[in-house]
Amino acid sequence: MKHKIALALGAAALSMVSAGGVLISATPAAADEYDQVTCKNYKLKRTSWSADCTVPYGHARAMGGCYDGTEHYGAWVGKGRYKFGISCGNSKLAYFDVEARKN
């Protein structure tokens, strides 16, 4: 599931509507599950994202799509706790995701 950009500031949630009209909001206490991966404590900026993720089994990696048309992927990692994130450099971040596989 690719996420459009959502920002969380303190206890209040700030939501943004993407050009596609998708509304997503997040709070600091929110956690997402990507198959077996759980992520929380999202940090979202104009050009990058990061989150604290737990991979209980299998493998996972971060990815991000940028407004300049590029996609960036992190390294596949195994079981453990990680700080996932992607930077688009000078381009704006368009979407982000965590990809998981069971092997």
PDB file of N, CA and C in Angstrom:
ATOM      1  N   MET A   1       0.835  -1.162   0.000  1.00  0.00           N
ATOM      2  CA  MET A   1       0.000   0.000   0.000  1.00  0.00           C
ATOM      3  C   MET A   1       0.890   1.238   0.000  1.00  0.00           C
ATOM      4  N   LYS A   2       0.836   2.036  -1.045  1.00  0.00           N
ATOM      5  CA  LYS A   2       1.598   3.269  -1.098  1.00  0.00           C
ATOM      6  C   LYS A   2       0.845   4.347  -0.349  1.00  0.00           C
ATOM      7  N   HIS A   3       1.563   5.120   0.434  1.00  0.00           N
ATOM      8  CA  HIS A   3       0.971   6.197   1.206  1.00  0.00           C
ATOM      9  C   HIS A   3       1.231   7.520   0.520  1.00  0.00           C
ATOM     10  N   LYS A   4       0.213   8.335   0.435  1.00  0.00           N
ATOM     11  CA  LYS A   4       0.422   9.723   0.055  1.00  0.00           C
ATOM     12  C   LYS A   4       0.949  10.435   1.284  1.00  0.00           C
ATOM     13  N   ILE A   5       1.414  11.625   1.143  1.00  0.00           N
ATOM     14  CA  ILE A   5       2.056  12.340   2.228  1.00  0.00           C
ATOM     15  C   ILE A   5       1.056  12.784   3.299  1.00  0.00           C
ATOM     16  N   ALA A   6       1.389  12.500   4.553  1.00  0.00           N
ATOM     17  CA  ALA A   6       0.617  12.959   5.719  1.00  0.00           C
ATOM     18  C   ALA A   6       1.613  13.425   6.758  1.00  0.00           C
ATOM     19  N   LEU A   7       1.312  14.505   7.441  1.00  0.00           N
ATOM     20  CA  LEU A   7       2.223  15.045   8.441  1.00  0.00           C
ATOM     21  C   LEU A   7       1.593  14.974   9.818  1.00  0.00           C
ATOM     22  N   ALA A   8       2.379  14.642  10.840  1.00  0.00           N
ATOM     23  CA  ALA A   8       1.903  14.641  12.223  1.00  0.00           C
ATOM     24  C   ALA A   8       2.736  15.626  13.016  1.00  0.00           C
ATOM     25  N   LEU A   9       2.072  16.532  13.740  1.00  0.00           N
ATOM     26  CA  LEU A   9       2.765  17.524  14.546  1.00  0.00           C
ATOM     27  C   LEU A   9       2.229  17.457  15.967  1.00  0.00           C
ATOM     28  N   GLY A  10       3.065  17.039  16.920  1.00  0.00           N
ATOM     29  CA  GLY A  10       2.647  16.924  18.307  1.00  0.00           C
ATOM     30  C   GLY A  10       1.454  15.995  18.436  1.00  0.00           C
ATOM     31  N   ALA A  11       0.462  16.412  19.230  1.00  0.00           N
ATOM     32  CA  ALA A  11      -0.722  15.586  19.426  1.00  0.00           C
ATOM     33  C   ALA A  11      -1.762  15.842  18.347  1.00  0.00           C
ATOM     34  N   ALA A  12      -1.614  16.919  17.608  1.00  0.00           N
ATOM     35  CA  ALA A  12      -2.590  17.237  16.565  1.00  0.00           C
ATOM     36  C   ALA A  12      -2.120  16.669  15.236  1.00  0.00           C
ATOM     37  N   ALA A  13      -3.053  16.227  14.446  1.00  0.00           N
ATOM     38  CA  ALA A  13      -2.704  15.676  13.131  1.00  0.00           C
ATOM     39  C   ALA A  13      -2.986  16.716  12.061  1.00  0.00           C
ATOM     40  N   LEU A  14      -2.058  16.840  11.148  1.00  0.00           N
ATOM     41  CA  LEU A  14      -2.211  17.736  10.022  1.00  0.00           C
ATOM     42  C   LEU A  14      -2.362  16.871   8.786  1.00  0.00           C
ATOM     43  N   SER A  15      -3.448  17.030   8.050  1.00  0.00           N
ATOM     44  CA  SER A  15      -3.705  16.199   6.883  1.00  0.00           C
ATOM     45  C   SER A  15      -3.527  17.017   5.621  1.00  0.00           C
ATOM     46  N   MET A  16      -3.092  16.361   4.585  1.00  0.00           N
ATOM     47  CA  MET A  16      -2.937  17.010   3.294  1.00  0.00           C
ATOM     48  C   MET A  16      -3.704  16.211   2.250  1.00  0.00           C
ATOM     49  N   VAL A  17      -4.247  16.886   1.286  1.00  0.00           N
ATOM     50  CA  VAL A  17      -4.916  16.220   0.183  1.00  0.00           C
ATOM     51  C   VAL A  17      -3.969  16.262  -0.998  1.00  0.00           C
ATOM     52  N   SER A  18      -3.654  15.105  -1.531  1.00  0.00           N
ATOM     53  CA  SER A  18      -2.752  15.053  -2.672  1.00  0.00           C
ATOM     54  C   SER A  18      -3.493  15.488  -3.928  1.00  0.00           C
ATOM     55  N   ALA A  19      -2.758  15.651  -4.999  1.00  0.00           N
ATOM     56  CA  ALA A  19      -3.370  16.058  -6.261  1.00  0.00           C
ATOM     57  C   ALA A  19      -4.407  15.046  -6.714  1.00  0.00           C
ATOM     58  N   GLY A  20      -4.267  13.786  -6.306  1.00  0.00           N
ATOM     59  CA  GLY A  20      -5.214  12.746  -6.669  1.00  0.00           C
ATOM     60  C   GLY A  20      -6.461  12.743  -5.805  1.00  0.00           C
ATOM     61  N   GLY A  21      -6.514  13.609  -4.816  1.00  0.00           N
ATOM     62  CA  GLY A  21      -7.699  13.717  -3.976  1.00  0.00           C
ATOM     63  C   GLY A  21      -7.759  12.702  -2.852  1.00  0.00           C
ATOM     64  N   VAL A  22      -6.664  12.027  -2.528  1.00  0.00           N
ATOM     65  CA  VAL A  22      -6.650  11.036  -1.459  1.00  0.00           C
ATOM     66  C   VAL A  22      -6.303  11.739  -0.158  1.00  0.00           C
ATOM     67  N   LEU A  23      -7.111  11.550   0.865  1.00  0.00           N
ATOM     68  CA  LEU A  23      -6.879  12.178   2.162  1.00  0.00           C
ATOM     69  C   LEU A  23      -6.390  11.128   3.138  1.00  0.00           C
ATOM     70  N   ILE A  24      -5.240  11.369   3.732  1.00  0.00           N
ATOM     71  CA  ILE A  24      -4.677  10.459   4.725  1.00  0.00           C
ATOM     72  C   ILE A  24      -4.204  11.299   5.891  1.00  0.00           C
ATOM     73  N   SER A  25      -4.450  10.826   7.102  1.00  0.00           N
ATOM     74  CA  SER A  25      -3.918  11.535   8.263  1.00  0.00           C
ATOM     75  C   SER A  25      -3.197  10.539   9.150  1.00  0.00           C
ATOM     76  N   ALA A  26      -2.270  11.050   9.937  1.00  0.00           N
ATOM     77  CA  ALA A  26      -1.532  10.196  10.861  1.00  0.00           C
ATOM     78  C   ALA A  26      -1.311  10.967  12.143  1.00  0.00           C
ATOM     79  N   THR A  27      -1.249  10.246  13.255  1.00  0.00           N
ATOM     80  CA  THR A  27      -0.914  10.850  14.531  1.00  0.00           C
ATOM     81  C   THR A  27       0.337  10.173  15.047  1.00  0.00           C
ATOM     82  N   PRO A  28       1.034  10.761  15.997  1.00  0.00           N
ATOM     83  CA  PRO A  28       2.249  10.134  16.499  1.00  0.00           C
ATOM     84  C   PRO A  28       2.011   8.729  17.060  1.00  0.00           C
ATOM     85  N   ALA A  29       0.826   8.441  17.547  1.00  0.00           N
ATOM     86  CA  ALA A  29       0.543   7.121  18.110  1.00  0.00           C
ATOM     87  C   ALA A  29       0.123   6.115  17.042  1.00  0.00           C
ATOM     88  N   ALA A  30      -0.068   6.561  15.810  1.00  0.00           N
ATOM     89  CA  ALA A  30      -0.539   5.664  14.757  1.00  0.00           C
ATOM     90  C   ALA A  30       0.556   4.685  14.356  1.00  0.00           C
ATOM     91  N   ALA A  31       0.153   3.472  14.030  1.00  0.00           N
ATOM     92  CA  ALA A  31       1.087   2.456  13.547  1.00  0.00           C
ATOM     93  C   ALA A  31       0.458   1.771  12.343  1.00  0.00           C
ATOM     94  N   ASP A  32       1.268   1.495  11.336  1.00  0.00           N
ATOM     95  CA  ASP A  32       0.799   0.797  10.145  1.00  0.00           C
ATOM     96  C   ASP A  32       1.431  -0.581  10.106  1.00  0.00           C
ATOM     97  N   GLU A  33       0.702  -1.533   9.531  1.00  0.00           N
ATOM     98  CA  GLU A  33       1.249  -2.866   9.336  1.00  0.00           C
ATOM     99  C   GLU A  33       1.349  -3.144   7.852  1.00  0.00           C
ATOM    100  N   TYR A  34       2.494  -3.546   7.403  1.00  0.00           N
ATOM    101  CA  TYR A  34       2.756  -3.915   6.016  1.00  0.00           C
ATOM    102  C   TYR A  34       2.992  -5.413   6.023  1.00  0.00           C
ATOM    103  N   ASP A  35       1.927  -6.178   5.783  1.00  0.00           N
ATOM    104  CA  ASP A  35       2.001  -7.623   5.948  1.00  0.00           C
ATOM    105  C   ASP A  35       2.499  -7.890   7.357  1.00  0.00           C
ATOM    106  N   GLN A  36       3.732  -8.329   7.519  1.00  0.00           N
ATOM    107  CA  GLN A  36       4.234  -8.650   8.842  1.00  0.00           C
ATOM    108  C   GLN A  36       4.977  -7.493   9.510  1.00  0.00           C
ATOM    109  N   VAL A  37       5.221  -6.374   8.832  1.00  0.00           N
ATOM    110  CA  VAL A  37       6.028  -5.274   9.362  1.00  0.00           C
ATOM    111  C   VAL A  37       5.140  -4.233  10.045  1.00  0.00           C
ATOM    112  N   THR A  38       5.560  -3.754  11.216  1.00  0.00           N
ATOM    113  CA  THR A  38       4.838  -2.710  11.940  1.00  0.00           C
ATOM    114  C   THR A  38       5.726  -1.469  12.012  1.00  0.00           C
ATOM    115  N   CYS A  39       5.154  -0.300  11.657  1.00  0.00           N
ATOM    116  CA  CYS A  39       5.907   0.962  11.695  1.00  0.00           C
ATOM    117  C   CYS A  39       5.165   2.002  12.524  1.00  0.00           C
ATOM    118  N   LYS A  40       5.930   2.854  13.202  1.00  0.00           N
ATOM    119  CA  LYS A  40       5.357   3.944  14.002  1.00  0.00           C
ATOM    120  C   LYS A  40       6.359   5.089  14.046  1.00  0.00           C
ATOM    121  N   ASN A  41       5.983   6.177  14.718  1.00  0.00           N
ATOM    122  CA  ASN A  41       6.852   7.352  14.867  1.00  0.00           C
ATOM    123  C   ASN A  41       7.309   7.908  13.520  1.00  0.00           C
ATOM    124  N   TYR A  42       6.364   8.115  12.632  1.00  0.00           N
ATOM    125  CA  TYR A  42       6.681   8.666  11.312  1.00  0.00           C
ATOM    126  C   TYR A  42       7.222  10.084  11.424  1.00  0.00           C
ATOM    127  N   LYS A  43       8.225  10.382  10.623  1.00  0.00           N
ATOM    128  CA  LYS A  43       8.754  11.730  10.438  1.00  0.00           C
ATOM    129  C   LYS A  43       8.645  12.013   8.943  1.00  0.00           C
ATOM    130  N   LEU A  44       7.797  12.959   8.591  1.00  0.00           N
ATOM    131  CA  LEU A  44       7.568  13.277   7.187  1.00  0.00           C
ATOM    132  C   LEU A  44       7.970  14.716   6.906  1.00  0.00           C
ATOM    133  N   LYS A  45       8.800  14.876   5.895  1.00  0.00           N
ATOM    134  CA  LYS A  45       9.237  16.193   5.459  1.00  0.00           C
ATOM    135  C   LYS A  45       8.901  16.348   3.980  1.00  0.00           C
ATOM    136  N   ARG A  46       9.175  17.500   3.449  1.00  0.00           N
ATOM    137  CA  ARG A  46       8.852  17.769   2.047  1.00  0.00           C
ATOM    138  C   ARG A  46       9.596  16.830   1.104  1.00  0.00           C
ATOM    139  N   THR A  47      10.815  16.455   1.436  1.00  0.00           N
ATOM    140  CA  THR A  47      11.635  15.653   0.528  1.00  0.00           C
ATOM    141  C   THR A  47      11.982  14.260   1.053  1.00  0.00           C
ATOM    142  N   SER A  48      11.508  13.900   2.258  1.00  0.00           N
ATOM    143  CA  SER A  48      11.908  12.608   2.826  1.00  0.00           C
ATOM    144  C   SER A  48      10.888  12.101   3.845  1.00  0.00           C
ATOM    145  N   TRP A  49      11.045  10.828   4.212  1.00  0.00           N
ATOM    146  CA  TRP A  49      10.235  10.240   5.275  1.00  0.00           C
ATOM    147  C   TRP A  49      11.108   9.267   6.058  1.00  0.00           C
ATOM    148  N   SER A  50      10.713   9.000   7.303  1.00  0.00           N
ATOM    149  CA  SER A  50      11.351   7.963   8.107  1.00  0.00           C
ATOM    150  C   SER A  50      10.338   7.447   9.117  1.00  0.00           C
ATOM    151  N   ALA A  51      10.576   6.252   9.629  1.00  0.00           N
ATOM    152  CA  ALA A  51       9.713   5.634  10.637  1.00  0.00           C
ATOM    153  C   ALA A  51      10.499   4.546  11.354  1.00  0.00           C
ATOM    154  N   ASP A  52      10.077   4.240  12.577  1.00  0.00           N
ATOM    155  CA  ASP A  52      10.646   3.126  13.332  1.00  0.00           C
ATOM    156  C   ASP A  52       9.834   1.883  12.998  1.00  0.00           C
ATOM    157  N   CYS A  53      10.492   0.868  12.442  1.00  0.00           N
ATOM    158  CA  CYS A  53       9.781  -0.323  11.969  1.00  0.00           C
ATOM    159  C   CYS A  53      10.339  -1.583  12.606  1.00  0.00           C
ATOM    160  N   THR A  54       9.449  -2.533  12.839  1.00  0.00           N
ATOM    161  CA  THR A  54       9.818  -3.846  13.374  1.00  0.00           C
ATOM    162  C   THR A  54       9.482  -4.901  12.345  1.00  0.00           C
ATOM    163  N   VAL A  55      10.471  -5.732  12.018  1.00  0.00           N
ATOM    164  CA  VAL A  55      10.302  -6.844  11.083  1.00  0.00           C
ATOM    165  C   VAL A  55      10.382  -8.125  11.915  1.00  0.00           C
ATOM    166  N   PRO A  56       9.232  -8.766  12.233  1.00  0.00           N
ATOM    167  CA  PRO A  56       9.267  -9.946  13.092  1.00  0.00           C
ATOM    168  C   PRO A  56       9.754 -11.211  12.371  1.00  0.00           C
ATOM    169  N   TYR A  57       9.597 -11.258  11.057  1.00  0.00           N
ATOM    170  CA  TYR A  57      10.094 -12.385  10.259  1.00  0.00           C
ATOM    171  C   TYR A  57      10.150 -11.936   8.805  1.00  0.00           C
ATOM    172  N   GLY A  58      10.833 -12.699   7.991  1.00  0.00           N
ATOM    173  CA  GLY A  58      10.948 -12.351   6.581  1.00  0.00           C
ATOM    174  C   GLY A  58      11.900 -11.179   6.374  1.00  0.00           C
ATOM    175  N   HIS A  59      11.650 -10.415   5.324  1.00  0.00           N
ATOM    176  CA  HIS A  59      12.482  -9.274   4.970  1.00  0.00           C
ATOM    177  C   HIS A  59      11.609  -8.081   4.607  1.00  0.00           C
ATOM    178  N   ALA A  60      12.166  -6.880   4.752  1.00  0.00           N
ATOM    179  CA  ALA A  60      11.428  -5.661   4.405  1.00  0.00           C
ATOM    180  C   ALA A  60      12.416  -4.599   3.958  1.00  0.00           C
ATOM    181  N   ARG A  61      11.895  -3.596   3.236  1.00  0.00           N
ATOM    182  CA  ARG A  61      12.698  -2.452   2.833  1.00  0.00           C
ATOM    183  C   ARG A  61      11.808  -1.225   2.657  1.00  0.00           C
ATOM    184  N   ALA A  62      12.415  -0.065   2.782  1.00  0.00           N
ATOM    185  CA  ALA A  62      11.715   1.198   2.566  1.00  0.00           C
ATOM    186  C   ALA A  62      11.762   1.551   1.087  1.00  0.00           C
ATOM    187  N   MET A  63      10.759   2.310   0.645  1.00  0.00           N
ATOM    188  CA  MET A  63      10.801   2.853  -0.711  1.00  0.00           C
ATOM    189  C   MET A  63      10.115   4.199  -0.709  1.00  0.00           C
ATOM    190  N   GLY A  64      10.442   4.998  -1.709  1.00  0.00           N
ATOM    191  CA  GLY A  64       9.816   6.304  -1.854  1.00  0.00           C
ATOM    192  C   GLY A  64       9.800   6.716  -3.309  1.00  0.00           C
ATOM    193  N   GLY A  65       8.723   7.374  -3.696  1.00  0.00           N
ATOM    194  CA  GLY A  65       8.599   7.908  -5.045  1.00  0.00           C
ATOM    195  C   GLY A  65       8.659   9.424  -4.984  1.00  0.00           C
ATOM    196  N   CYS A  66       9.332  10.004  -5.951  1.00  0.00           N
ATOM    197  CA  CYS A  66       9.574  11.446  -5.951  1.00  0.00           C
ATOM    198  C   CYS A  66       8.857  12.110  -7.121  1.00  0.00           C
ATOM    199  N   TYR A  67       8.589  13.408  -6.972  1.00  0.00           N
ATOM    200  CA  TYR A  67       7.907  14.150  -8.023  1.00  0.00           C
ATOM    201  C   TYR A  67       8.728  14.258  -9.300  1.00  0.00           C
ATOM    202  N   ASP A  68      10.035  14.021  -9.238  1.00  0.00           N
ATOM    203  CA  ASP A  68      10.832  14.048 -10.465  1.00  0.00           C
ATOM    204  C   ASP A  68      10.749  12.728 -11.241  1.00  0.00           C
ATOM    205  N   GLY A  69       9.921  11.792 -10.739  1.00  0.00           N
ATOM    206  CA  GLY A  69       9.701  10.522 -11.431  1.00  0.00           C
ATOM    207  C   GLY A  69      10.587   9.376 -10.972  1.00  0.00           C
ATOM    208  N   THR A  70      11.523   9.630 -10.078  1.00  0.00           N
ATOM    209  CA  THR A  70      12.402   8.563  -9.610  1.00  0.00           C
ATOM    210  C   THR A  70      11.777   7.828  -8.433  1.00  0.00           C
ATOM    211  N   GLU A  71      12.169   6.576  -8.275  1.00  0.00           N
ATOM    212  CA  GLU A  71      11.808   5.777  -7.105  1.00  0.00           C
ATOM    213  C   GLU A  71      13.093   5.324  -6.440  1.00  0.00           C
ATOM    214  N   HIS A  72      13.121   5.367  -5.116  1.00  0.00           N
ATOM    215  CA  HIS A  72      14.304   4.974  -4.354  1.00  0.00           C
ATOM    216  C   HIS A  72      13.935   3.831  -3.416  1.00  0.00           C
ATOM    217  N   TYR A  73      14.861   2.873  -3.263  1.00  0.00           N
ATOM    218  CA  TYR A  73      14.628   1.687  -2.447  1.00  0.00           C
ATOM    219  C   TYR A  73      15.758   1.511  -1.447  1.00  0.00           C
ATOM    220  N   GLY A  74      15.405   1.144  -0.222  1.00  0.00           N
ATOM    221  CA  GLY A  74      16.395   0.797   0.774  1.00  0.00           C
ATOM    222  C   GLY A  74      16.819  -0.649   0.607  1.00  0.00           C
ATOM    223  N   ALA A  75      17.818  -1.056   1.354  1.00  0.00           N
ATOM    224  CA  ALA A  75      18.286  -2.443   1.318  1.00  0.00           C
ATOM    225  C   ALA A  75      17.280  -3.353   2.018  1.00  0.00           C
ATOM    226  N   TRP A  76      17.169  -4.595   1.542  1.00  0.00           N
ATOM    227  CA  TRP A  76      16.343  -5.584   2.230  1.00  0.00           C
ATOM    228  C   TRP A  76      17.004  -5.910   3.557  1.00  0.00           C
ATOM    229  N   VAL A  77      16.224  -5.923   4.628  1.00  0.00           N
ATOM    230  CA  VAL A  77      16.734  -6.271   5.959  1.00  0.00           C
ATOM    231  C   VAL A  77      15.882  -7.402   6.534  1.00  0.00           C
ATOM    232  N   GLY A  78      16.485  -8.198   7.411  1.00  0.00           N
ATOM    233  CA  GLY A  78      15.794  -9.321   8.031  1.00  0.00           C
ATOM    234  C   GLY A  78      15.161  -8.935   9.363  1.00  0.00           C
ATOM    235  N   LYS A  79      14.882  -9.949  10.148  1.00  0.00           N
ATOM    236  CA  LYS A  79      14.220  -9.783  11.448  1.00  0.00           C
ATOM    237  C   LYS A  79      14.969  -8.776  12.322  1.00  0.00           C
ATOM    238  N   GLY A  80      14.200  -7.849  12.937  1.00  0.00           N
ATOM    239  CA  GLY A  80      14.803  -6.868  13.831  1.00  0.00           C
ATOM    240  C   GLY A  80      14.043  -5.557  13.836  1.00  0.00           C
ATOM    241  N   ARG A  81      14.631  -4.560  14.510  1.00  0.00           N
ATOM    242  CA  ARG A  81      14.049  -3.211  14.577  1.00  0.00           C
ATOM    243  C   ARG A  81      14.949  -2.269  13.791  1.00  0.00           C
ATOM    244  N   TYR A  82      14.319  -1.411  12.978  1.00  0.00           N
ATOM    245  CA  TYR A  82      15.074  -0.537  12.088  1.00  0.00           C
ATOM    246  C   TYR A  82      14.439   0.840  11.984  1.00  0.00           C
ATOM    247  N   LYS A  83      15.251   1.815  11.617  1.00  0.00           N
ATOM    248  CA  LYS A  83      14.779   3.141  11.234  1.00  0.00           C
ATOM    249  C   LYS A  83      14.737   3.118   9.708  1.00  0.00           C
ATOM    250  N   PHE A  84      13.521   3.018   9.148  1.00  0.00           N
ATOM    251  CA  PHE A  84      13.358   3.035   7.699  1.00  0.00           C
ATOM    252  C   PHE A  84      13.198   4.471   7.237  1.00  0.00           C
ATOM    253  N   GLY A  85      13.605   4.751   6.012  1.00  0.00           N
ATOM    254  CA  GLY A  85      13.412   6.081   5.464  1.00  0.00           C
ATOM    255  C   GLY A  85      14.013   6.219   4.084  1.00  0.00           C
ATOM    256  N   ILE A  86      13.550   7.224   3.370  1.00  0.00           N
ATOM    257  CA  ILE A  86      14.016   7.519   2.018  1.00  0.00           C
ATOM    258  C   ILE A  86      14.051   9.030   1.853  1.00  0.00           C
ATOM    259  N   SER A  87      15.057   9.511   1.126  1.00  0.00           N
ATOM    260  CA  SER A  87      15.155  10.923   0.771  1.00  0.00           C
ATOM    261  C   SER A  87      15.107  11.064  -0.740  1.00  0.00           C
ATOM    262  N   CYS A  88      14.396  12.076  -1.217  1.00  0.00           N
ATOM    263  CA  CYS A  88      14.326  12.371  -2.650  1.00  0.00           C
ATOM    264  C   CYS A  88      15.331  13.442  -3.061  1.00  0.00           C
ATOM    265  N   GLY A  89      16.243  13.798  -2.193  1.00  0.00           N
ATOM    266  CA  GLY A  89      17.224  14.829  -2.523  1.00  0.00           C
ATOM    267  C   GLY A  89      16.549  16.188  -2.654  1.00  0.00           C
ATOM    268  N   ASN A  90      16.631  16.799  -3.824  1.00  0.00           N
ATOM    269  CA  ASN A  90      16.027  18.116  -4.052  1.00  0.00           C
ATOM    270  C   ASN A  90      14.583  18.040  -4.528  1.00  0.00           C
ATOM    271  N   SER A  91      14.096  16.855  -4.879  1.00  0.00           N
ATOM    272  CA  SER A  91      12.726  16.688  -5.366  1.00  0.00           C
ATOM    273  C   SER A  91      11.772  16.463  -4.192  1.00  0.00           C
ATOM    274  N   LYS A  92      10.505  16.821  -4.379  1.00  0.00           N
ATOM    275  CA  LYS A  92       9.501  16.581  -3.346  1.00  0.00           C
ATOM    276  C   LYS A  92       9.144  15.093  -3.294  1.00  0.00           C
ATOM    277  N   LEU A  93       8.852  14.599  -2.099  1.00  0.00           N
ATOM    278  CA  LEU A  93       8.395  13.227  -1.905  1.00  0.00           C
ATOM    279  C   LEU A  93       6.927  13.131  -2.324  1.00  0.00           C
ATOM    280  N   ALA A  94       6.606  12.193  -3.205  1.00  0.00           N
ATOM    281  CA  ALA A  94       5.232  12.020  -3.689  1.00  0.00           C
ATOM    282  C   ALA A  94       4.502  10.922  -2.920  1.00  0.00           C
ATOM    283  N   TYR A  95       5.171   9.822  -2.619  1.00  0.00           N
ATOM    284  CA  TYR A  95       4.571   8.712  -1.884  1.00  0.00           C
ATOM    285  C   TYR A  95       5.673   7.877  -1.257  1.00  0.00           C
ATOM    286  N   PHE A  96       5.278   7.037  -0.298  1.00  0.00           N
ATOM    287  CA  PHE A  96       6.233   6.155   0.349  1.00  0.00           C
ATOM    288  C   PHE A  96       5.562   4.838   0.688  1.00  0.00           C
ATOM    289  N   ASP A  97       6.382   3.822   0.952  1.00  0.00           N
ATOM    290  CA  ASP A  97       5.868   2.493   1.220  1.00  0.00           C
ATOM    291  C   ASP A  97       6.924   1.684   1.956  1.00  0.00           C
ATOM    292  N   VAL A  98       6.501   0.603   2.554  1.00  0.00           N
ATOM    293  CA  VAL A  98       7.392  -0.416   3.079  1.00  0.00           C
ATOM    294  C   VAL A  98       7.032  -1.705   2.362  1.00  0.00           C
ATOM    295  N   GLU A  99       7.989  -2.289   1.677  1.00  0.00           N
ATOM    296  CA  GLU A  99       7.761  -3.553   0.974  1.00  0.00           C
ATOM    297  C   GLU A  99       8.220  -4.698   1.854  1.00  0.00           C
ATOM    298  N   ALA A 100       7.437  -5.758   1.886  1.00  0.00           N
ATOM    299  CA  ALA A 100       7.752  -6.910   2.728  1.00  0.00           C
ATOM    300  C   ALA A 100       7.665  -8.183   1.909  1.00  0.00           C
ATOM    301  N   ARG A 101       8.490  -9.148   2.275  1.00  0.00           N
ATOM    302  CA  ARG A 101       8.433 -10.492   1.705  1.00  0.00           C
ATOM    303  C   ARG A 101       8.655 -11.490   2.834  1.00  0.00           C
ATOM    304  N   LYS A 102       8.070 -12.637   2.708  1.00  0.00           N
ATOM    305  CA  LYS A 102       8.088 -13.598   3.813  1.00  0.00           C
ATOM    306  C   LYS A 102       9.339 -14.454   3.858  1.00  0.00           C
ATOM    307  N   ASN A 103      10.146 -14.478   2.807  1.00  0.00           N
ATOM    308  CA  ASN A 103      11.350 -15.327   2.814  1.00  0.00           C
ATOM    309  C   ASN A 103      12.574 -14.590   3.271  1.00  0.00           C
TER     310      ASN A 103
END
